[in-house]
């Protein structure tokens, strides 16, 4: 490639080295699967690499995360068309967890819709406000608020039924619903 592509541009390599860990964490929060997270990160960086030498984004970190979220939305839509919904998870493909809370959280996140999971990941992993989440997801702020509220409530409900109670606290049956 004449003029040096992204692989020959040290700025691009430095950007990837600095951002790859954060991008992988966000991708894992979005997808729930380490393999899908790696694929999503690679596709996102490939898209950035195509633009790096031409019309480089003003804020590559924000552009990259926005592209990642939108690629994930496209991935979810494609999966819905290609795969029938079975409602089961193969335990052999589930990530290995350290403790009961970790396993609970993975199960709880699996109950969320893709949009709820995306909104919660952007809120708690990326620490974005409602306006920033709406910009990344390409939807209204009202939709983001709704997705955050419903996702949080679904996580609370899952916790009421699946986490052990601490002595001296309200039991699951006595917990307000």
N, C-alpha and C. Protein backbone atom coordinates (compact mmCIF):
# COMPACT_ATOMS: atom_id res chain seq x y z
N UNK A 1 0.86 -1.18 0.00
CA UNK A 1 0.00 0.00 0.00
C UNK A 1 0.89 1.23 0.00
N UNK A 2 0.74 2.09 -0.94
CA UNK A 2 1.54 3.29 -1.04
C UNK A 2 1.18 4.26 0.07
N UNK A 3 2.17 4.99 0.53
CA UNK A 3 1.92 5.99 1.56
C UNK A 3 1.88 5.41 2.95
N UNK A 4 2.07 4.11 3.10
CA UNK A 4 2.08 3.51 4.43
C UNK A 4 0.69 3.37 4.98
N UNK A 5 0.27 2.19 5.25
CA UNK A 5 -1.05 1.93 5.81
C UNK A 5 -1.03 2.06 7.32
N UNK A 6 -2.11 1.68 7.96
CA UNK A 6 -2.19 1.79 9.41
C UNK A 6 -1.13 0.95 10.11
N UNK A 7 -0.71 -0.15 9.50
CA UNK A 7 0.30 -0.98 10.13
C UNK A 7 1.66 -0.31 10.18
N UNK A 8 1.88 0.67 9.28
CA UNK A 8 3.17 1.36 9.24
C UNK A 8 3.14 2.70 9.96
N UNK A 9 2.01 3.08 10.47
CA UNK A 9 1.86 4.36 11.15
C UNK A 9 2.03 4.13 12.64
N UNK A 10 3.13 4.65 13.21
CA UNK A 10 3.37 4.38 14.64
C UNK A 10 2.28 4.97 15.54
N UNK A 11 1.61 6.03 15.12
CA UNK A 11 0.54 6.59 15.95
C UNK A 11 -0.61 5.59 16.10
N UNK A 12 -0.94 4.89 15.03
CA UNK A 12 -2.00 3.90 15.08
C UNK A 12 -1.62 2.77 16.02
N UNK A 13 -0.40 2.28 15.90
CA UNK A 13 0.08 1.20 16.78
C UNK A 13 0.06 1.62 18.24
N UNK A 14 0.45 2.84 18.51
CA UNK A 14 0.43 3.34 19.89
C UNK A 14 -1.01 3.44 20.40
N UNK A 15 -1.91 3.91 19.54
CA UNK A 15 -3.31 4.01 19.93
C UNK A 15 -3.86 2.63 20.28
N UNK A 16 -3.61 1.65 19.41
CA UNK A 16 -4.10 0.29 19.65
C UNK A 16 -3.53 -0.26 20.94
N UNK A 17 -2.23 -0.09 21.16
CA UNK A 17 -1.60 -0.59 22.38
C UNK A 17 -2.21 0.05 23.63
N UNK A 18 -2.51 1.33 23.54
CA UNK A 18 -3.05 2.04 24.70
C UNK A 18 -4.51 1.72 24.96
N UNK A 19 -5.28 1.46 23.92
CA UNK A 19 -6.73 1.31 24.05
C UNK A 19 -7.24 -0.12 24.02
N UNK A 20 -6.42 -1.07 23.58
CA UNK A 20 -6.92 -2.42 23.35
C UNK A 20 -7.54 -3.06 24.60
N UNK A 21 -6.92 -2.91 25.76
CA UNK A 21 -7.48 -3.49 26.99
C UNK A 21 -8.84 -2.92 27.34
N UNK A 22 -8.97 -1.60 27.24
CA UNK A 22 -10.26 -0.97 27.53
C UNK A 22 -11.32 -1.38 26.52
N UNK A 23 -10.93 -1.48 25.26
CA UNK A 23 -11.88 -1.89 24.23
C UNK A 23 -12.33 -3.33 24.44
N UNK A 24 -11.41 -4.20 24.82
CA UNK A 24 -11.77 -5.59 25.08
C UNK A 24 -12.74 -5.70 26.26
N UNK A 25 -12.52 -4.90 27.31
CA UNK A 25 -13.43 -4.92 28.45
C UNK A 25 -14.83 -4.47 28.04
N UNK A 26 -14.91 -3.40 27.27
CA UNK A 26 -16.21 -2.93 26.80
C UNK A 26 -16.86 -3.98 25.91
N UNK A 27 -16.10 -4.56 25.00
CA UNK A 27 -16.64 -5.57 24.10
C UNK A 27 -17.14 -6.78 24.87
N UNK A 28 -16.43 -7.18 25.92
CA UNK A 28 -16.88 -8.32 26.72
C UNK A 28 -18.17 -7.98 27.46
N UNK A 29 -18.26 -6.76 27.95
CA UNK A 29 -19.50 -6.34 28.62
C UNK A 29 -20.66 -6.30 27.62
N UNK A 30 -20.39 -5.94 26.39
CA UNK A 30 -21.44 -5.87 25.38
C UNK A 30 -21.88 -7.25 24.90
N UNK A 31 -20.92 -8.16 24.72
CA UNK A 31 -21.22 -9.45 24.11
C UNK A 31 -21.45 -10.56 25.12
N UNK A 32 -20.79 -10.49 26.28
CA UNK A 32 -20.90 -11.55 27.27
C UNK A 32 -20.06 -12.77 26.94
N UNK A 33 -19.25 -12.70 25.90
CA UNK A 33 -18.45 -13.85 25.47
C UNK A 33 -17.05 -13.36 25.09
N UNK A 34 -16.00 -13.97 25.65
CA UNK A 34 -14.65 -13.48 25.35
C UNK A 34 -14.27 -13.61 23.88
N UNK A 35 -14.75 -14.65 23.22
CA UNK A 35 -14.42 -14.83 21.80
C UNK A 35 -15.12 -13.79 20.93
N UNK A 36 -16.40 -13.56 21.21
CA UNK A 36 -17.13 -12.53 20.48
C UNK A 36 -16.55 -11.15 20.78
N UNK A 37 -16.09 -10.95 22.01
CA UNK A 37 -15.49 -9.67 22.39
C UNK A 37 -14.21 -9.42 21.58
N UNK A 38 -13.41 -10.45 21.43
CA UNK A 38 -12.18 -10.31 20.65
C UNK A 38 -12.50 -9.98 19.20
N UNK A 39 -13.47 -10.70 18.62
CA UNK A 39 -13.87 -10.44 17.23
C UNK A 39 -14.39 -9.02 17.06
N UNK A 40 -15.22 -8.58 18.00
CA UNK A 40 -15.78 -7.23 17.94
C UNK A 40 -14.68 -6.18 18.04
N UNK A 41 -13.72 -6.40 18.91
CA UNK A 41 -12.60 -5.46 19.06
C UNK A 41 -11.78 -5.40 17.78
N UNK A 42 -11.50 -6.55 17.20
CA UNK A 42 -10.71 -6.58 15.97
C UNK A 42 -11.42 -5.88 14.83
N UNK A 43 -12.72 -6.12 14.68
CA UNK A 43 -13.48 -5.47 13.62
C UNK A 43 -13.50 -3.96 13.83
N UNK A 44 -13.66 -3.53 15.07
CA UNK A 44 -13.67 -2.10 15.38
C UNK A 44 -12.33 -1.47 15.02
N UNK A 45 -11.24 -2.12 15.42
CA UNK A 45 -9.91 -1.56 15.12
C UNK A 45 -9.62 -1.59 13.63
N UNK A 46 -10.13 -2.59 12.92
CA UNK A 46 -9.95 -2.63 11.46
C UNK A 46 -10.65 -1.43 10.81
N UNK A 47 -11.85 -1.12 11.31
CA UNK A 47 -12.56 0.04 10.76
C UNK A 47 -11.79 1.33 11.04
N UNK A 48 -11.24 1.43 12.24
CA UNK A 48 -10.46 2.61 12.58
C UNK A 48 -9.20 2.68 11.72
N UNK A 49 -8.56 1.54 11.52
CA UNK A 49 -7.34 1.51 10.71
C UNK A 49 -7.58 1.99 9.30
N UNK A 50 -8.75 1.69 8.75
CA UNK A 50 -9.09 2.15 7.40
C UNK A 50 -9.18 3.67 7.33
N UNK A 51 -9.58 4.28 8.42
CA UNK A 51 -9.75 5.74 8.45
C UNK A 51 -8.53 6.48 8.97
N UNK A 52 -7.60 5.78 9.57
CA UNK A 52 -6.50 6.42 10.30
C UNK A 52 -5.66 7.33 9.41
N UNK A 53 -5.35 6.90 8.19
CA UNK A 53 -4.48 7.70 7.34
C UNK A 53 -5.26 8.70 6.50
N UNK A 54 -6.56 8.50 6.35
CA UNK A 54 -7.38 9.42 5.55
C UNK A 54 -8.01 10.47 6.43
N UNK A 55 -9.33 10.38 6.56
CA UNK A 55 -10.07 11.32 7.40
C UNK A 55 -10.09 10.79 8.82
N UNK A 56 -9.02 10.99 9.53
CA UNK A 56 -8.89 10.49 10.90
C UNK A 56 -9.90 11.17 11.82
N UNK A 57 -10.58 10.40 12.67
CA UNK A 57 -11.55 11.00 13.60
C UNK A 57 -10.87 11.99 14.55
N UNK A 58 -11.59 13.06 14.90
CA UNK A 58 -11.03 14.06 15.82
C UNK A 58 -10.73 13.46 17.18
N UNK A 59 -11.64 12.65 17.68
CA UNK A 59 -11.47 11.99 18.97
C UNK A 59 -11.57 10.48 18.72
N UNK A 60 -10.43 9.84 18.40
CA UNK A 60 -10.50 8.43 18.00
C UNK A 60 -11.05 7.51 19.09
N UNK A 61 -10.83 7.83 20.36
CA UNK A 61 -11.35 6.98 21.43
C UNK A 61 -12.87 6.92 21.39
N UNK A 62 -13.50 8.07 21.29
CA UNK A 62 -14.97 8.13 21.27
C UNK A 62 -15.51 7.51 19.98
N UNK A 63 -14.88 7.82 18.85
CA UNK A 63 -15.32 7.26 17.57
C UNK A 63 -15.23 5.74 17.60
N UNK A 64 -14.14 5.22 18.15
CA UNK A 64 -13.93 3.78 18.21
C UNK A 64 -15.00 3.11 19.06
N UNK A 65 -15.33 3.68 20.20
CA UNK A 65 -16.34 3.08 21.08
C UNK A 65 -17.74 3.16 20.44
N UNK A 66 -18.02 4.25 19.75
CA UNK A 66 -19.30 4.37 19.06
C UNK A 66 -19.40 3.30 17.97
N UNK A 67 -18.34 3.13 17.20
CA UNK A 67 -18.33 2.11 16.16
C UNK A 67 -18.52 0.73 16.78
N UNK A 68 -17.87 0.48 17.91
CA UNK A 68 -17.98 -0.83 18.56
C UNK A 68 -19.42 -1.11 18.97
N UNK A 69 -20.07 -0.14 19.57
CA UNK A 69 -21.46 -0.33 20.01
C UNK A 69 -22.36 -0.60 18.80
N UNK A 70 -22.17 0.15 17.74
CA UNK A 70 -23.02 -0.03 16.57
C UNK A 70 -22.73 -1.34 15.85
N UNK A 71 -21.46 -1.76 15.81
CA UNK A 71 -21.14 -3.08 15.24
C UNK A 71 -21.80 -4.18 16.06
N UNK A 72 -21.81 -4.01 17.38
CA UNK A 72 -22.44 -5.01 18.23
C UNK A 72 -23.95 -5.08 17.99
N UNK A 73 -24.58 -3.93 17.80
CA UNK A 73 -26.01 -3.91 17.50
C UNK A 73 -26.25 -4.65 16.18
N UNK A 74 -25.41 -4.40 15.19
CA UNK A 74 -25.54 -5.11 13.91
C UNK A 74 -25.33 -6.61 14.10
N UNK A 75 -24.38 -6.99 14.94
CA UNK A 75 -24.10 -8.41 15.21
C UNK A 75 -25.33 -9.07 15.83
N UNK A 76 -25.97 -8.39 16.76
CA UNK A 76 -27.16 -8.94 17.43
C UNK A 76 -28.30 -9.11 16.42
N UNK A 77 -28.50 -8.12 15.58
CA UNK A 77 -29.54 -8.22 14.56
C UNK A 77 -29.27 -9.40 13.62
N UNK A 78 -28.02 -9.55 13.22
CA UNK A 78 -27.66 -10.65 12.32
C UNK A 78 -27.90 -11.99 12.99
N UNK A 79 -27.52 -12.11 14.27
CA UNK A 79 -27.74 -13.35 15.00
C UNK A 79 -29.22 -13.68 15.13
N UNK A 80 -30.04 -12.68 15.34
CA UNK A 80 -31.48 -12.91 15.45
C UNK A 80 -32.05 -13.49 14.16
N UNK A 81 -31.52 -13.01 13.03
CA UNK A 81 -32.00 -13.52 11.75
C UNK A 81 -31.48 -14.92 11.47
N UNK A 82 -30.24 -15.20 11.88
CA UNK A 82 -29.59 -16.45 11.51
C UNK A 82 -29.86 -17.60 12.47
N UNK A 83 -30.00 -17.32 13.76
CA UNK A 83 -30.13 -18.37 14.75
C UNK A 83 -31.51 -18.35 15.40
N UNK A 84 -32.13 -19.51 15.53
CA UNK A 84 -33.40 -19.54 16.27
C UNK A 84 -33.12 -19.33 17.76
N UNK A 85 -34.07 -18.72 18.43
CA UNK A 85 -33.92 -18.50 19.86
C UNK A 85 -34.25 -19.79 20.60
N UNK A 86 -33.27 -20.31 21.34
CA UNK A 86 -33.49 -21.54 22.08
C UNK A 86 -33.69 -21.28 23.55
N UNK A 87 -33.19 -20.17 24.05
CA UNK A 87 -33.35 -19.84 25.46
C UNK A 87 -32.43 -20.62 26.37
N UNK A 88 -31.50 -21.38 25.82
CA UNK A 88 -30.58 -22.14 26.65
C UNK A 88 -29.16 -21.70 26.37
N UNK A 89 -28.34 -21.84 27.38
CA UNK A 89 -26.94 -21.52 27.26
C UNK A 89 -26.14 -22.80 27.42
N UNK A 90 -25.18 -23.01 26.57
CA UNK A 90 -24.34 -24.20 26.66
C UNK A 90 -23.31 -23.98 27.76
N UNK A 91 -23.35 -24.77 28.86
CA UNK A 91 -22.42 -24.56 29.95
C UNK A 91 -20.97 -24.76 29.52
N UNK A 92 -20.73 -25.54 28.48
CA UNK A 92 -19.36 -25.78 28.03
C UNK A 92 -18.74 -24.52 27.45
N UNK A 93 -19.56 -23.58 26.95
CA UNK A 93 -19.01 -22.37 26.35
C UNK A 93 -19.03 -21.19 27.32
N UNK A 94 -19.60 -21.38 28.49
CA UNK A 94 -19.66 -20.29 29.47
C UNK A 94 -18.27 -20.05 30.05
N UNK A 95 -17.93 -18.78 30.33
CA UNK A 95 -16.62 -18.51 30.91
C UNK A 95 -16.51 -19.09 32.31
N UNK A 96 -15.31 -19.46 32.68
CA UNK A 96 -15.07 -20.01 34.01
C UNK A 96 -15.18 -18.87 35.02
N UNK A 97 -15.90 -19.12 36.09
CA UNK A 97 -16.12 -18.09 37.09
C UNK A 97 -15.45 -18.47 38.40
N UNK A 98 -15.12 -17.46 39.18
CA UNK A 98 -14.40 -17.69 40.43
C UNK A 98 -15.34 -17.99 41.59
N UNK A 99 -16.42 -17.25 41.71
CA UNK A 99 -17.28 -17.43 42.87
C UNK A 99 -18.75 -17.34 42.52
N UNK A 100 -19.58 -17.48 43.56
CA UNK A 100 -21.03 -17.48 43.39
C UNK A 100 -21.54 -16.16 42.83
N UNK A 101 -20.99 -15.04 43.29
CA UNK A 101 -21.45 -13.74 42.81
C UNK A 101 -21.10 -13.59 41.33
N UNK A 102 -19.92 -14.04 40.93
CA UNK A 102 -19.54 -13.96 39.52
C UNK A 102 -20.50 -14.76 38.65
N UNK A 103 -20.80 -15.98 39.07
CA UNK A 103 -21.72 -16.83 38.30
C UNK A 103 -23.11 -16.20 38.27
N UNK A 104 -23.53 -15.63 39.40
CA UNK A 104 -24.83 -14.98 39.44
C UNK A 104 -24.88 -13.82 38.44
N UNK A 105 -23.83 -13.02 38.41
CA UNK A 105 -23.82 -11.86 37.52
C UNK A 105 -23.86 -12.27 36.06
N UNK A 106 -23.13 -13.29 35.69
CA UNK A 106 -23.17 -13.78 34.31
C UNK A 106 -24.58 -14.24 33.97
N UNK A 107 -25.20 -15.00 34.87
CA UNK A 107 -26.58 -15.46 34.64
C UNK A 107 -27.54 -14.28 34.54
N UNK A 108 -27.37 -13.30 35.43
CA UNK A 108 -28.26 -12.15 35.45
C UNK A 108 -28.11 -11.33 34.17
N UNK A 109 -26.90 -11.12 33.71
CA UNK A 109 -26.68 -10.35 32.48
C UNK A 109 -27.26 -11.08 31.28
N UNK A 110 -27.27 -12.40 31.33
CA UNK A 110 -27.83 -13.18 30.22
C UNK A 110 -29.35 -13.00 30.10
N UNK A 111 -30.00 -12.55 31.18
CA UNK A 111 -31.46 -12.35 31.13
C UNK A 111 -31.83 -11.01 30.50
N UNK A 112 -30.87 -10.13 30.31
CA UNK A 112 -31.15 -8.81 29.75
C UNK A 112 -31.29 -8.87 28.24
N UNK A 113 -32.08 -7.95 27.72
CA UNK A 113 -32.15 -7.82 26.26
C UNK A 113 -30.82 -7.21 25.79
N UNK A 114 -30.47 -7.38 24.54
CA UNK A 114 -29.22 -6.79 24.05
C UNK A 114 -29.15 -5.27 24.24
N UNK A 115 -30.25 -4.58 24.07
CA UNK A 115 -30.23 -3.13 24.25
C UNK A 115 -30.06 -2.75 25.72
N UNK A 116 -30.68 -3.51 26.62
CA UNK A 116 -30.49 -3.25 28.05
C UNK A 116 -29.04 -3.50 28.44
N UNK A 117 -28.50 -4.59 27.97
CA UNK A 117 -27.11 -4.94 28.28
C UNK A 117 -26.16 -3.87 27.74
N UNK A 118 -26.41 -3.39 26.53
CA UNK A 118 -25.57 -2.35 25.94
C UNK A 118 -25.65 -1.07 26.76
N UNK A 119 -26.86 -0.65 27.11
CA UNK A 119 -27.03 0.57 27.88
C UNK A 119 -26.33 0.46 29.24
N UNK A 120 -26.50 -0.67 29.92
CA UNK A 120 -25.86 -0.85 31.22
C UNK A 120 -24.33 -0.93 31.09
N UNK A 121 -23.84 -1.56 30.05
CA UNK A 121 -22.39 -1.63 29.84
C UNK A 121 -21.81 -0.24 29.61
N UNK A 122 -22.49 0.55 28.80
CA UNK A 122 -21.99 1.90 28.54
C UNK A 122 -22.07 2.77 29.79
N UNK A 123 -23.08 2.53 30.61
CA UNK A 123 -23.24 3.32 31.84
C UNK A 123 -22.18 2.95 32.88
N UNK A 124 -22.00 1.65 33.12
CA UNK A 124 -21.16 1.23 34.23
C UNK A 124 -19.74 0.83 33.83
N UNK A 125 -19.52 0.43 32.59
CA UNK A 125 -18.15 0.12 32.16
C UNK A 125 -17.49 1.36 31.59
N UNK A 126 -18.23 2.09 30.74
CA UNK A 126 -17.68 3.28 30.11
C UNK A 126 -17.96 4.56 30.91
N UNK A 127 -18.83 4.49 31.92
CA UNK A 127 -19.17 5.62 32.78
C UNK A 127 -19.74 6.80 31.99
N UNK A 128 -20.60 6.48 31.03
CA UNK A 128 -21.24 7.53 30.23
C UNK A 128 -22.55 7.97 30.85
N UNK A 129 -22.92 9.23 30.60
CA UNK A 129 -24.22 9.70 31.03
C UNK A 129 -25.26 9.32 29.98
N UNK A 130 -26.51 9.65 30.24
CA UNK A 130 -27.61 9.27 29.35
C UNK A 130 -27.40 9.85 27.95
N UNK A 131 -26.97 11.08 27.87
CA UNK A 131 -26.75 11.71 26.56
C UNK A 131 -25.65 10.97 25.78
N UNK A 132 -24.57 10.62 26.45
CA UNK A 132 -23.49 9.91 25.79
C UNK A 132 -23.90 8.52 25.34
N UNK A 133 -24.70 7.84 26.15
CA UNK A 133 -25.19 6.51 25.78
C UNK A 133 -26.10 6.62 24.57
N UNK A 134 -26.98 7.62 24.57
CA UNK A 134 -27.90 7.80 23.44
C UNK A 134 -27.12 8.05 22.15
N UNK A 135 -26.06 8.83 22.23
CA UNK A 135 -25.25 9.10 21.04
C UNK A 135 -24.58 7.82 20.54
N UNK A 136 -24.05 7.02 21.45
CA UNK A 136 -23.38 5.78 21.04
C UNK A 136 -24.36 4.76 20.48
N UNK A 137 -25.54 4.67 21.07
CA UNK A 137 -26.52 3.67 20.64
C UNK A 137 -27.36 4.15 19.46
N UNK A 138 -27.30 5.45 19.17
CA UNK A 138 -28.08 5.99 18.07
C UNK A 138 -29.57 5.99 18.35
N UNK A 139 -29.95 6.35 19.59
CA UNK A 139 -31.36 6.39 19.96
C UNK A 139 -31.61 7.61 20.83
N UNK A 140 -32.85 7.80 21.27
CA UNK A 140 -33.19 8.97 22.09
C UNK A 140 -32.76 8.76 23.55
N UNK A 141 -32.67 9.86 24.27
CA UNK A 141 -32.34 9.78 25.70
C UNK A 141 -33.43 9.06 26.47
N UNK A 142 -34.67 9.24 26.06
CA UNK A 142 -35.79 8.56 26.72
C UNK A 142 -35.68 7.05 26.58
N UNK A 143 -35.25 6.59 25.40
CA UNK A 143 -35.05 5.16 25.20
C UNK A 143 -33.94 4.64 26.10
N UNK A 144 -32.88 5.41 26.23
CA UNK A 144 -31.77 5.00 27.10
C UNK A 144 -32.25 4.89 28.54
N UNK A 145 -32.98 5.89 29.01
CA UNK A 145 -33.49 5.86 30.39
C UNK A 145 -34.37 4.63 30.61
N UNK A 146 -35.20 4.35 29.64
CA UNK A 146 -36.08 3.18 29.74
C UNK A 146 -35.26 1.88 29.79
N UNK A 147 -34.26 1.76 28.93
CA UNK A 147 -33.43 0.55 28.90
C UNK A 147 -32.64 0.39 30.19
N UNK A 148 -32.10 1.49 30.71
CA UNK A 148 -31.37 1.44 31.98
C UNK A 148 -32.29 1.03 33.13
N UNK A 149 -33.47 1.63 33.17
CA UNK A 149 -34.42 1.33 34.23
C UNK A 149 -34.87 -0.13 34.19
N UNK A 150 -35.27 -0.58 33.02
CA UNK A 150 -35.74 -1.97 32.88
C UNK A 150 -34.62 -2.97 33.13
N UNK A 151 -33.44 -2.68 32.64
CA UNK A 151 -32.31 -3.58 32.86
C UNK A 151 -31.93 -3.66 34.32
N UNK A 152 -31.90 -2.52 34.99
CA UNK A 152 -31.57 -2.50 36.42
C UNK A 152 -32.62 -3.26 37.22
N UNK A 153 -33.89 -3.07 36.88
CA UNK A 153 -34.95 -3.78 37.60
C UNK A 153 -34.85 -5.28 37.36
N UNK A 154 -34.53 -5.68 36.15
CA UNK A 154 -34.38 -7.11 35.87
C UNK A 154 -33.22 -7.70 36.67
N UNK A 155 -32.13 -6.94 36.82
CA UNK A 155 -31.00 -7.42 37.64
C UNK A 155 -31.40 -7.52 39.11
N UNK A 156 -32.15 -6.53 39.59
CA UNK A 156 -32.63 -6.58 40.98
C UNK A 156 -33.51 -7.79 41.22
N UNK A 157 -34.43 -8.03 40.29
CA UNK A 157 -35.34 -9.17 40.42
C UNK A 157 -34.56 -10.48 40.41
N UNK A 158 -33.57 -10.57 39.56
CA UNK A 158 -32.74 -11.78 39.51
C UNK A 158 -32.00 -11.95 40.85
N UNK A 159 -31.52 -10.84 41.40
CA UNK A 159 -30.80 -10.91 42.68
C UNK A 159 -31.73 -11.36 43.81
N UNK A 160 -32.96 -10.89 43.81
CA UNK A 160 -33.92 -11.28 44.85
C UNK A 160 -34.13 -12.78 44.89
N UNK A 161 -34.08 -13.41 43.75
CA UNK A 161 -34.39 -14.83 43.67
C UNK A 161 -33.18 -15.75 43.66
N UNK A 162 -31.98 -15.20 43.45
CA UNK A 162 -30.83 -16.08 43.26
C UNK A 162 -29.66 -15.84 44.21
N UNK A 163 -29.61 -14.70 44.85
CA UNK A 163 -28.49 -14.46 45.76
C UNK A 163 -28.86 -14.90 47.17
N UNK A 164 -27.89 -15.45 47.90
CA UNK A 164 -28.19 -15.82 49.29
C UNK A 164 -28.42 -14.57 50.12
N UNK A 165 -29.25 -14.70 51.13
CA UNK A 165 -29.51 -13.56 51.99
C UNK A 165 -28.47 -13.51 53.10
N UNK A 166 -28.20 -12.32 53.58
CA UNK A 166 -27.25 -12.12 54.67
C UNK A 166 -28.03 -12.18 55.98
N UNK A 167 -27.51 -12.91 57.00
CA UNK A 167 -28.23 -12.98 58.27
C UNK A 167 -28.54 -11.59 58.81
N UNK A 168 -29.75 -11.43 59.33
CA UNK A 168 -30.16 -10.15 59.91
C UNK A 168 -30.77 -9.21 58.88
N UNK A 169 -30.87 -9.65 57.61
CA UNK A 169 -31.48 -8.81 56.58
C UNK A 169 -32.79 -9.44 56.14
N UNK A 170 -33.47 -8.77 55.28
CA UNK A 170 -34.75 -9.24 54.76
C UNK A 170 -34.56 -10.51 53.93
N UNK A 171 -35.43 -11.47 54.12
CA UNK A 171 -35.36 -12.69 53.32
C UNK A 171 -35.93 -12.43 51.94
N UNK A 172 -35.69 -13.33 51.02
CA UNK A 172 -36.19 -13.16 49.67
C UNK A 172 -37.71 -13.04 49.65
N UNK A 173 -38.37 -13.85 50.48
CA UNK A 173 -39.83 -13.83 50.50
C UNK A 173 -40.36 -12.52 51.06
N UNK A 174 -39.63 -11.92 52.03
CA UNK A 174 -40.07 -10.68 52.65
C UNK A 174 -39.64 -9.44 51.86
N UNK A 175 -38.79 -9.62 50.87
CA UNK A 175 -38.27 -8.46 50.14
C UNK A 175 -39.38 -7.77 49.36
N UNK A 176 -39.36 -6.45 49.34
CA UNK A 176 -40.39 -5.73 48.58
C UNK A 176 -40.23 -6.03 47.10
N UNK A 177 -41.34 -6.16 46.42
CA UNK A 177 -41.31 -6.50 44.98
C UNK A 177 -41.78 -5.35 44.17
